[in-house]
N, C-alpha and C. Protein backbone atom coordinates (compact mmCIF):
# COMPACT_ATOMS: atom_id res chain seq x y z
N MET A 1 0.73 -1.52 -0.17
CA MET A 1 -0.08 -0.06 0.03
C MET A 1 0.65 1.48 0.23
N GLU A 2 0.40 2.21 -1.00
CA GLU A 2 1.40 3.38 -0.54
C GLU A 2 0.99 4.50 0.28
N SER A 3 2.32 4.95 0.72
CA SER A 3 1.94 5.67 2.27
C SER A 3 1.82 7.33 1.06
N GLN A 4 1.52 8.04 2.02
CA GLN A 4 0.52 9.90 2.10
C GLN A 4 1.60 10.60 1.06
N GLU A 5 2.81 9.78 1.56
CA GLU A 5 4.41 10.96 1.24
C GLU A 5 4.10 10.62 -0.19
N GLU A 6 4.34 8.89 -0.76
CA GLU A 6 4.34 8.42 -1.51
C GLU A 6 3.32 8.80 -2.89
N PHE A 7 1.87 8.77 -2.51
CA PHE A 7 0.96 9.46 -3.04
C PHE A 7 1.24 11.08 -3.43
N LEU A 8 1.55 11.82 -2.61
CA LEU A 8 1.94 13.20 -2.95
C LEU A 8 2.85 13.53 -3.94
N GLU A 9 3.81 12.53 -3.60
CA GLU A 9 5.66 12.73 -4.41
C GLU A 9 4.92 12.37 -6.04
N GLU A 10 4.08 10.98 -6.06
CA GLU A 10 3.64 10.78 -7.50
C GLU A 10 2.60 11.87 -7.61
N SER A 11 1.44 12.74 -7.29
CA SER A 11 0.32 13.32 -7.64
C SER A 11 1.33 14.72 -8.12
N GLN A 12 2.19 14.96 -7.33
CA GLN A 12 3.20 16.21 -7.38
C GLN A 12 4.02 16.35 -9.21
N LYS A 13 4.34 14.94 -9.67
CA LYS A 13 4.75 14.93 -10.71
C LYS A 13 3.49 14.87 -11.39
N ASP A 14 2.14 14.55 -11.49
CA ASP A 14 1.17 14.88 -12.58
C ASP A 14 0.77 16.29 -12.20
N PHE A 15 1.04 16.62 -10.97
CA PHE A 15 0.27 18.11 -11.52
C PHE A 15 1.31 19.73 -10.64
N PRO A 16 2.41 19.88 -11.53
CA PRO A 16 3.30 20.16 -10.82
C PRO A 16 3.09 21.42 -10.00
N ASN A 17 1.67 22.14 -10.32
CA ASN A 17 1.16 23.35 -9.80
C ASN A 17 0.27 22.92 -8.10
N GLY A 18 0.14 21.64 -7.79
CA GLY A 18 -0.36 21.41 -7.10
C GLY A 18 -1.71 20.74 -6.95
N LEU A 19 -1.60 19.82 -5.74
CA LEU A 19 -3.35 18.82 -5.83
C LEU A 19 -4.81 19.76 -5.85
N GLN A 20 -4.53 21.10 -5.96
CA GLN A 20 -5.66 21.92 -5.97
C GLN A 20 -6.24 21.69 -7.14
N GLN A 21 -5.38 21.20 -8.21
CA GLN A 21 -5.73 20.95 -9.80
C GLN A 21 -7.02 19.57 -9.43
N LEU A 22 -6.95 18.66 -8.50
CA LEU A 22 -8.24 17.56 -8.83
C LEU A 22 -9.11 18.24 -8.20
N ASP A 23 -9.32 19.25 -7.54
CA ASP A 23 -10.97 19.94 -7.29
C ASP A 23 -11.59 20.88 -8.09
N ALA A 24 -10.61 20.94 -9.08
CA ALA A 24 -11.91 21.38 -10.33
C ALA A 24 -13.05 21.05 -10.70
N SER A 25 -13.97 21.96 -10.58
CA SER A 25 -15.32 20.90 -10.74
C SER A 25 -15.46 20.45 -12.67
N PHE A 26 -16.22 19.93 -12.38
CA PHE A 26 -16.41 19.30 -14.02
C PHE A 26 -17.76 18.60 -13.96
N ILE A 27 -18.50 18.73 -15.20
CA ILE A 27 -19.63 18.23 -15.33
C ILE A 27 -19.79 17.26 -16.54
N THR A 28 -20.30 15.71 -16.49
CA THR A 28 -20.32 15.58 -17.98
C THR A 28 -21.82 14.78 -17.67
N ILE A 29 -22.14 14.71 -18.83
CA ILE A 29 -23.64 14.64 -19.17
C ILE A 29 -23.67 12.96 -20.05
N GLN A 30 -23.91 11.80 -19.31
CA GLN A 30 -24.65 10.89 -19.76
C GLN A 30 -25.06 10.41 -20.72
N GLU A 31 -26.05 11.08 -20.93
CA GLU A 31 -27.35 10.69 -21.32
C GLU A 31 -28.24 11.27 -21.58
N VAL A 32 -28.78 11.63 -23.17
CA VAL A 32 -29.82 12.47 -23.38
C VAL A 32 -30.92 11.66 -23.73
N ASP A 33 -32.36 11.80 -23.42
CA ASP A 33 -33.83 11.24 -23.67
C ASP A 33 -34.04 12.15 -24.28
N PHE A 34 -34.99 12.17 -25.44
CA PHE A 34 -35.91 13.35 -25.70
C PHE A 34 -36.54 12.68 -27.04
N LYS A 35 -38.01 13.15 -26.97
CA LYS A 35 -38.68 13.03 -28.14
C LYS A 35 -39.42 14.27 -28.93
N THR A 36 -39.26 14.52 -30.20
CA THR A 36 -39.69 15.72 -30.78
C THR A 36 -41.13 15.20 -31.31
N ASN A 37 -42.07 16.32 -31.23
CA ASN A 37 -43.24 16.05 -32.15
C ASN A 37 -42.88 16.31 -33.36
N GLU A 38 -43.03 16.07 -34.74
CA GLU A 38 -42.56 16.14 -35.61
C GLU A 38 -43.28 17.09 -36.53
N ASP A 39 -44.38 17.38 -35.63
CA ASP A 39 -45.63 18.50 -36.47
C ASP A 39 -44.51 19.67 -36.41
N TYR A 40 -43.45 19.96 -35.64
CA TYR A 40 -43.03 20.98 -35.07
C TYR A 40 -41.33 21.07 -35.44
N ALA A 41 -40.54 20.05 -34.79
CA ALA A 41 -39.38 20.17 -35.39
C ALA A 41 -38.66 18.58 -35.24
N LYS A 42 -37.59 18.98 -35.87
CA LYS A 42 -36.99 17.77 -35.91
C LYS A 42 -35.42 18.43 -35.05
N ILE A 43 -35.05 17.67 -33.95
CA ILE A 43 -33.85 18.19 -33.59
C ILE A 43 -33.01 16.84 -33.04
N PHE A 44 -31.71 16.90 -33.02
CA PHE A 44 -30.66 15.53 -33.12
C PHE A 44 -29.93 16.71 -32.23
N ILE A 45 -28.97 15.63 -31.04
CA ILE A 45 -28.16 15.67 -30.34
C ILE A 45 -27.11 15.30 -30.13
N THR A 46 -25.97 16.04 -30.10
CA THR A 46 -24.54 15.04 -29.94
C THR A 46 -23.75 15.64 -28.75
N LEU A 47 -23.61 14.14 -27.86
CA LEU A 47 -22.68 14.40 -26.84
C LEU A 47 -21.09 13.97 -26.93
N ARG A 48 -20.56 15.17 -26.53
CA ARG A 48 -18.42 14.97 -26.31
C ARG A 48 -18.47 14.97 -25.06
N ASN A 49 -18.11 14.18 -24.85
CA ASN A 49 -17.34 13.91 -23.23
C ASN A 49 -16.12 14.05 -23.26
N GLY A 50 -15.48 15.12 -22.46
CA GLY A 50 -14.32 14.95 -22.05
C GLY A 50 -13.03 15.98 -23.51
N THR A 51 -13.78 16.70 -23.77
CA THR A 51 -13.26 17.21 -25.35
C THR A 51 -12.82 18.84 -25.20
N GLY A 52 -12.38 19.44 -25.85
CA GLY A 52 -12.32 20.67 -25.77
C GLY A 52 -11.18 21.37 -25.04
N HIS A 53 -11.68 22.29 -24.31
CA HIS A 53 -10.58 23.37 -23.62
C HIS A 53 -11.24 22.98 -21.65
N LEU A 54 -12.69 22.24 -21.87
CA LEU A 54 -13.30 22.08 -20.40
C LEU A 54 -13.30 20.54 -20.42
N ARG A 55 -11.65 19.77 -20.60
CA ARG A 55 -11.44 18.83 -20.41
C ARG A 55 -12.32 17.60 -19.81
N GLY A 56 -13.26 17.59 -18.47
CA GLY A 56 -14.13 16.96 -17.78
C GLY A 56 -15.14 17.04 -18.50
N ASN A 57 -15.45 18.25 -18.98
CA ASN A 57 -17.54 18.48 -18.76
C ASN A 57 -17.37 17.90 -20.46
N THR A 58 -19.28 17.97 -20.40
CA THR A 58 -19.47 17.74 -21.71
C THR A 58 -19.93 18.73 -22.65
N MET A 59 -19.50 18.78 -24.15
CA MET A 59 -19.69 19.37 -24.79
C MET A 59 -21.19 18.76 -25.63
N VAL A 60 -22.22 19.65 -25.52
CA VAL A 60 -23.13 19.25 -26.25
C VAL A 60 -23.50 19.84 -27.69
N ASP A 61 -23.71 19.60 -28.57
CA ASP A 61 -24.17 20.22 -29.91
C ASP A 61 -25.43 19.79 -30.14
N ILE A 62 -26.30 21.09 -30.12
CA ILE A 62 -27.95 20.76 -30.79
C ILE A 62 -28.28 21.37 -32.22
N ASP A 63 -28.88 20.51 -33.30
CA ASP A 63 -29.20 21.00 -34.19
C ASP A 63 -30.17 20.74 -34.55
N ALA A 64 -31.21 21.65 -34.55
CA ALA A 64 -32.88 21.98 -34.80
C ALA A 64 -33.71 22.51 -36.32
N LEU A 65 -34.04 21.81 -36.37
CA LEU A 65 -35.33 22.16 -37.85
C LEU A 65 -36.50 22.29 -37.22
N ILE A 66 -37.11 23.87 -36.81
CA ILE A 66 -38.31 23.76 -36.69
C ILE A 66 -39.12 24.08 -37.75
N TYR A 67 -40.15 23.84 -38.05
CA TYR A 67 -41.07 23.74 -39.31
C TYR A 67 -42.53 25.09 -39.03
N GLN A 68 -42.98 25.39 -37.70
CA GLN A 68 -43.95 26.40 -37.31
C GLN A 68 -43.35 27.53 -36.64
N ASN A 69 -44.05 28.70 -37.15
CA ASN A 69 -43.78 29.49 -36.65
C ASN A 69 -44.46 29.29 -35.09
N VAL A 70 -44.15 30.16 -34.21
CA VAL A 70 -45.38 30.25 -32.58
C VAL A 70 -44.60 31.10 -31.97
N SER A 71 -45.69 32.32 -31.89
CA SER A 71 -45.62 32.98 -31.15
C SER A 71 -46.04 33.15 -29.70
N ASP A 72 -46.53 31.71 -29.44
CA ASP A 72 -47.42 32.34 -28.05
C ASP A 72 -47.44 30.69 -27.45
N GLY A 73 -47.40 30.41 -26.01
CA GLY A 73 -47.87 29.26 -25.56
C GLY A 73 -46.95 27.54 -25.33
N VAL A 74 -45.75 28.48 -25.57
CA VAL A 74 -44.53 27.52 -25.43
C VAL A 74 -44.55 27.07 -23.87
N LEU A 75 -44.47 26.13 -23.74
CA LEU A 75 -44.55 26.10 -21.78
C LEU A 75 -43.24 25.15 -21.80
N VAL A 76 -42.26 24.80 -20.97
CA VAL A 76 -41.24 24.51 -20.28
C VAL A 76 -41.76 23.88 -19.16
N ARG A 77 -41.02 22.76 -19.15
CA ARG A 77 -40.74 22.27 -17.41
C ARG A 77 -39.53 21.56 -17.56
N MET A 78 -39.07 22.06 -15.90
CA MET A 78 -37.68 21.48 -16.17
C MET A 78 -37.60 21.16 -14.40
N GLU A 79 -37.11 20.11 -14.25
CA GLU A 79 -36.93 19.46 -13.37
C GLU A 79 -35.65 18.95 -12.87
N LEU A 80 -35.09 19.25 -12.09
CA LEU A 80 -33.10 19.36 -11.66
C LEU A 80 -33.64 18.13 -10.08
N GLY A 81 -33.31 16.59 -10.34
CA GLY A 81 -32.99 15.78 -9.53
C GLY A 81 -31.40 15.36 -9.26
N SER A 82 -31.73 14.65 -7.69
CA SER A 82 -30.68 14.36 -7.16
C SER A 82 -30.45 12.82 -6.97
N LYS A 83 -29.53 11.80 -7.33
CA LYS A 83 -29.68 10.49 -7.32
C LYS A 83 -29.19 10.37 -5.54
N ILE A 84 -30.58 9.88 -4.57
CA ILE A 84 -30.33 9.03 -3.45
C ILE A 84 -30.71 7.66 -3.71
N GLY A 85 -29.73 6.89 -3.08
CA GLY A 85 -29.98 5.84 -3.68
C GLY A 85 -29.94 5.26 -4.70
N SER A 86 -31.03 4.57 -5.52
CA SER A 86 -31.16 4.24 -6.64
C SER A 86 -32.31 5.35 -7.35
N ASP A 87 -32.92 6.01 -6.44
CA ASP A 87 -34.15 7.17 -7.57
C ASP A 87 -33.55 8.33 -7.15
N TYR A 88 -34.15 9.25 -8.27
CA TYR A 88 -33.50 10.70 -8.34
C TYR A 88 -34.79 11.59 -7.59
N VAL A 89 -34.34 12.23 -6.43
CA VAL A 89 -35.31 12.89 -5.59
C VAL A 89 -34.90 14.48 -6.70
N PRO A 90 -36.29 14.91 -6.85
CA PRO A 90 -37.09 16.34 -7.48
C PRO A 90 -36.55 17.35 -6.12
N MET A 91 -35.38 18.60 -6.77
CA MET A 91 -34.48 19.49 -5.79
C MET A 91 -35.33 20.96 -6.40
N LEU A 92 -35.28 21.25 -7.82
CA LEU A 92 -36.26 22.02 -8.53
C LEU A 92 -36.98 21.66 -9.28
N ASP A 93 -38.04 22.51 -9.39
CA ASP A 93 -38.92 21.93 -10.44
C ASP A 93 -39.44 23.31 -11.00
N SER A 94 -39.18 23.79 -12.18
CA SER A 94 -39.53 25.24 -12.88
C SER A 94 -40.40 24.70 -14.08
N ARG A 95 -41.66 25.61 -13.98
CA ARG A 95 -42.29 25.30 -15.40
C ARG A 95 -42.82 26.79 -15.42
N VAL A 96 -42.69 27.63 -16.81
CA VAL A 96 -42.55 28.41 -17.55
C VAL A 96 -43.32 28.72 -18.64
N ASP A 97 -43.96 29.71 -19.27
CA ASP A 97 -44.36 29.91 -20.64
C ASP A 97 -42.92 31.16 -21.19
N LEU A 98 -42.26 30.14 -22.05
CA LEU A 98 -41.43 31.06 -22.25
C LEU A 98 -41.90 32.71 -22.90
N CYS A 99 -43.25 32.40 -23.63
CA CYS A 99 -43.52 33.24 -23.99
C CYS A 99 -43.65 34.81 -23.20
N GLY A 100 -43.96 34.47 -21.95
CA GLY A 100 -44.27 35.31 -20.72
C GLY A 100 -42.97 35.52 -20.27
N PHE A 101 -41.76 34.97 -20.36
CA PHE A 101 -40.82 34.68 -19.25
C PHE A 101 -39.78 35.53 -19.64
N ASN A 102 -39.26 36.86 -18.58
CA ASN A 102 -38.46 37.51 -18.08
C ASN A 102 -37.25 37.43 -17.68
N SER A 103 -35.90 36.67 -18.40
CA SER A 103 -34.82 36.48 -17.45
C SER A 103 -33.84 37.90 -16.45
N SER A 104 -34.50 38.48 -17.37
CA SER A 104 -33.50 39.97 -16.35
C SER A 104 -34.57 40.12 -15.22
N SER A 105 -35.84 39.56 -14.49
CA SER A 105 -36.38 39.65 -13.43
C SER A 105 -36.95 38.85 -12.82
N THR A 106 -36.15 37.18 -12.76
CA THR A 106 -36.78 35.73 -12.64
C THR A 106 -35.89 35.58 -11.39
N ASP A 107 -36.75 35.00 -10.28
CA ASP A 107 -35.82 34.32 -9.51
C ASP A 107 -35.29 32.89 -9.38
N ASP A 108 -35.67 32.20 -10.84
CA ASP A 108 -36.01 30.97 -10.84
C ASP A 108 -33.92 30.46 -11.49
N LEU A 109 -33.80 29.87 -10.64
CA LEU A 109 -32.42 29.34 -10.40
C LEU A 109 -32.11 28.64 -12.01
N LEU A 110 -32.86 27.35 -12.08
CA LEU A 110 -32.62 26.40 -13.09
C LEU A 110 -33.11 27.11 -14.31
N MET A 111 -34.20 28.27 -14.21
CA MET A 111 -34.67 28.38 -16.08
C MET A 111 -33.79 29.41 -16.04
N ASP A 112 -32.88 30.42 -15.47
CA ASP A 112 -31.89 31.42 -16.05
C ASP A 112 -30.45 31.16 -16.12
N MET A 113 -30.57 29.58 -15.40
CA MET A 113 -29.10 29.14 -15.85
C MET A 113 -29.06 28.46 -17.71
N MET A 114 -29.82 28.04 -17.75
CA MET A 114 -30.30 27.48 -18.73
C MET A 114 -30.72 28.69 -20.08
N VAL A 115 -31.17 29.70 -19.85
CA VAL A 115 -31.40 30.21 -20.65
C VAL A 115 -29.79 31.22 -20.88
N THR A 116 -29.73 31.64 -19.92
CA THR A 116 -28.16 32.39 -19.94
C THR A 116 -26.93 31.29 -20.71
N GLU A 117 -26.76 30.23 -20.69
CA GLU A 117 -25.94 29.43 -20.97
C GLU A 117 -26.62 28.72 -22.40
N MET A 118 -27.76 28.87 -22.89
CA MET A 118 -28.03 28.89 -24.40
C MET A 118 -27.47 29.53 -25.34
N GLY A 119 -27.82 30.80 -24.69
CA GLY A 119 -27.62 32.09 -25.36
C GLY A 119 -25.94 32.55 -26.02
N LYS A 120 -25.27 31.81 -25.08
CA LYS A 120 -24.06 32.18 -25.35
C LYS A 120 -23.20 30.98 -26.67
N HIS A 121 -24.06 29.98 -26.81
CA HIS A 121 -23.20 29.21 -27.48
C HIS A 121 -24.33 28.76 -28.99
N GLY A 122 -25.14 29.62 -29.65
CA GLY A 122 -25.28 29.50 -30.61
C GLY A 122 -26.46 30.60 -31.20
N ASN A 123 -27.45 30.18 -32.01
CA ASN A 123 -28.74 30.77 -32.74
C ASN A 123 -29.92 30.67 -31.91
N MET A 124 -29.88 29.88 -31.36
CA MET A 124 -30.82 29.56 -30.47
C MET A 124 -31.76 30.09 -29.34
N SER A 125 -32.30 31.06 -29.29
CA SER A 125 -32.76 32.08 -28.53
C SER A 125 -33.85 31.73 -27.52
N ILE A 126 -33.98 31.67 -26.38
CA ILE A 126 -34.95 31.39 -25.52
C ILE A 126 -36.17 31.94 -25.44
N ASN A 127 -36.67 32.13 -26.19
CA ASN A 127 -37.94 33.29 -25.78
C ASN A 127 -38.17 33.83 -27.13
N CYS A 128 -39.90 34.28 -27.41
CA CYS A 128 -40.83 34.31 -28.23
C CYS A 128 -40.40 35.38 -28.85
N PRO A 129 -41.49 35.27 -29.94
CA PRO A 129 -41.42 34.37 -30.53
C PRO A 129 -40.36 33.29 -31.87
N PHE A 130 -40.59 32.24 -31.60
CA PHE A 130 -39.71 31.10 -32.36
C PHE A 130 -40.00 30.89 -33.88
N TYR A 131 -39.48 31.32 -34.88
CA TYR A 131 -39.37 31.15 -36.24
C TYR A 131 -38.94 29.92 -36.89
N SER A 132 -39.65 29.28 -37.36
CA SER A 132 -38.99 27.93 -38.42
C SER A 132 -38.08 28.40 -39.28
N GLY A 133 -37.22 27.69 -39.32
CA GLY A 133 -35.74 27.26 -39.57
C GLY A 133 -34.81 26.78 -39.15
N ASN A 134 -33.79 26.97 -39.56
CA ASN A 134 -32.70 25.67 -39.03
C ASN A 134 -31.79 26.70 -37.50
N TYR A 135 -31.60 26.15 -36.43
CA TYR A 135 -31.14 26.33 -35.12
C TYR A 135 -30.01 25.60 -34.92
N VAL A 136 -28.76 26.39 -34.26
CA VAL A 136 -28.16 25.40 -33.60
C VAL A 136 -27.05 25.53 -32.72
N VAL A 137 -26.67 25.07 -31.58
CA VAL A 137 -25.90 25.21 -30.94
C VAL A 137 -24.72 24.19 -30.26
N ARG A 138 -23.88 25.35 -30.28
CA ARG A 138 -22.23 24.26 -30.97
C ARG A 138 -21.55 24.49 -29.15
N ASN A 139 -20.62 23.11 -28.53
CA ASN A 139 -19.87 23.32 -27.48
C ASN A 139 -20.43 24.19 -26.11
N PHE A 140 -21.88 23.44 -25.71
CA PHE A 140 -22.65 23.95 -25.26
C PHE A 140 -22.31 23.09 -24.06
N HIS A 141 -22.36 24.18 -22.74
CA HIS A 141 -21.80 23.05 -21.41
C HIS A 141 -22.30 23.94 -20.52
N ILE A 142 -22.71 23.62 -19.31
CA ILE A 142 -22.80 24.41 -18.11
C ILE A 142 -21.38 24.77 -17.51
N ASP A 143 -21.77 26.23 -17.21
CA ASP A 143 -20.49 26.82 -16.69
C ASP A 143 -20.57 26.72 -15.11
N THR A 144 -19.17 25.87 -14.87
CA THR A 144 -19.49 25.73 -13.63
C THR A 144 -19.38 26.84 -12.41
N GLU A 145 -19.46 28.23 -12.66
CA GLU A 145 -18.98 29.14 -12.08
C GLU A 145 -20.37 29.84 -11.62
N ASN A 146 -21.14 29.09 -12.48
CA ASN A 146 -22.92 29.18 -12.27
C ASN A 146 -23.29 29.23 -10.49
N MET A 147 -24.11 30.27 -9.91
CA MET A 147 -24.53 30.20 -8.67
C MET A 147 -25.20 28.80 -8.51
N LEU A 148 -26.19 28.30 -9.08
CA LEU A 148 -26.94 27.02 -8.84
C LEU A 148 -25.71 25.85 -9.04
N ILE A 149 -24.51 26.04 -10.04
CA ILE A 149 -23.84 24.78 -9.96
C ILE A 149 -23.23 24.48 -8.94
N LYS A 150 -22.67 26.22 -8.42
CA LYS A 150 -21.76 26.26 -7.03
C LYS A 150 -22.51 26.08 -5.84
N LEU A 151 -23.91 26.05 -5.65
CA LEU A 151 -24.46 25.33 -4.52
C LEU A 151 -25.17 24.28 -4.25
N ALA A 152 -24.71 23.36 -5.50
CA ALA A 152 -24.81 22.00 -5.72
C ALA A 152 -23.72 21.15 -5.32
N PRO A 153 -24.53 20.50 -4.19
CA PRO A 153 -23.39 19.21 -3.95
C PRO A 153 -22.88 18.48 -4.81
N PRO A 154 -21.93 17.74 -4.96
CA PRO A 154 -21.05 16.50 -5.81
C PRO A 154 -22.00 15.61 -5.90
N GLY A 155 -22.38 15.27 -6.73
CA GLY A 155 -23.34 14.08 -6.86
C GLY A 155 -23.66 13.51 -8.48
N GLN A 156 -24.57 12.62 -8.22
CA GLN A 156 -25.11 12.53 -9.69
C GLN A 156 -26.44 13.21 -9.71
N TYR A 157 -27.04 13.85 -10.83
CA TYR A 157 -28.35 14.68 -10.79
C TYR A 157 -28.87 14.26 -12.59
N ARG A 158 -30.05 14.78 -12.68
CA ARG A 158 -31.08 14.26 -14.09
C ARG A 158 -31.74 15.77 -14.00
N VAL A 159 -31.50 16.00 -15.31
CA VAL A 159 -32.35 17.42 -15.56
C VAL A 159 -33.18 16.49 -16.47
N ALA A 160 -34.51 17.07 -16.17
CA ALA A 160 -35.32 16.40 -16.99
C ALA A 160 -36.82 17.78 -17.53
N ILE A 161 -36.19 17.91 -18.81
CA ILE A 161 -37.07 18.95 -19.93
C ILE A 161 -38.41 18.63 -20.66
N ASP A 162 -39.39 19.33 -20.44
CA ASP A 162 -40.55 18.78 -21.63
C ASP A 162 -40.93 20.18 -21.90
N VAL A 163 -41.37 20.37 -23.34
CA VAL A 163 -41.34 21.46 -24.17
C VAL A 163 -42.77 21.04 -24.65
N LYS A 164 -43.52 22.32 -24.38
CA LYS A 164 -44.98 21.62 -24.99
C LYS A 164 -45.44 23.41 -25.72
N HIS A 165 -46.56 22.97 -26.78
CA HIS A 165 -47.24 24.29 -26.99
C HIS A 165 -48.51 24.29 -26.74
N LYS A 166 -49.15 25.15 -26.23
CA LYS A 166 -50.45 24.88 -25.61
C LYS A 166 -51.09 25.68 -26.85
N ILE A 167 -51.58 24.85 -27.62
CA ILE A 167 -52.20 25.18 -28.53
C ILE A 167 -53.68 25.93 -28.33
N LYS A 168 -54.05 26.99 -27.81
CA LYS A 168 -55.17 27.70 -27.59
C LYS A 168 -56.81 26.60 -28.66
N GLU A 169 -57.56 26.74 -27.84
CA GLU A 169 -58.97 25.75 -27.83
C GLU A 169 -59.55 27.02 -28.99
N ARG A 170 -59.67 25.91 -29.96
CA ARG A 170 -60.64 26.83 -30.89
C ARG A 170 -62.12 27.15 -30.97
N VAL A 171 -62.31 27.55 -31.47
CA VAL A 171 -63.91 28.20 -31.38
C VAL A 171 -64.74 27.96 -32.93
N PRO A 172 -65.19 26.45 -33.18
CA PRO A 172 -65.91 26.60 -34.19
C PRO A 172 -66.86 28.01 -34.98
N HIS A 173 -66.53 28.29 -36.10
CA HIS A 173 -66.97 29.18 -37.31
C HIS A 173 -68.13 28.68 -37.90
N PHE A 174 -69.14 28.85 -37.90
CA PHE A 174 -70.78 28.15 -38.38
C PHE A 174 -70.95 29.61 -39.58
């Protein structure tokens, strides 16, 4: 068995600036499960773990082809769950109509984080109206300096995202 001194000597070779490098926060995304209503869009998601300048983080690329203009009633539900035992226990649950969402006046940490981070990495805005066309997000990753990430203890988490379009009830005209 290696002594603490031997461990520190070996670690010093690998990390000449000290062991503090072992504390660097990183976030990996292991799986994305999503369904798309093909009346509205086709979406492709690619995960790249341990790439780019953030070696421990997952980079996400999103390609979306939106078929219809949508100007109201885009409902988003996001749930952040922490793994305890074999289950995920909900920690935060956000429900927002994106067409009425104001990121500058929200106290919703989960939604604010997603809106801020998505805006940095492509042409996919997170506000209404959504116009038909091609949208891309490249090298998206969660910023480990984000307040929500700083508050979360180390562990395994799941983020569930559900996006729906609330179609107004139509009254038949005779």
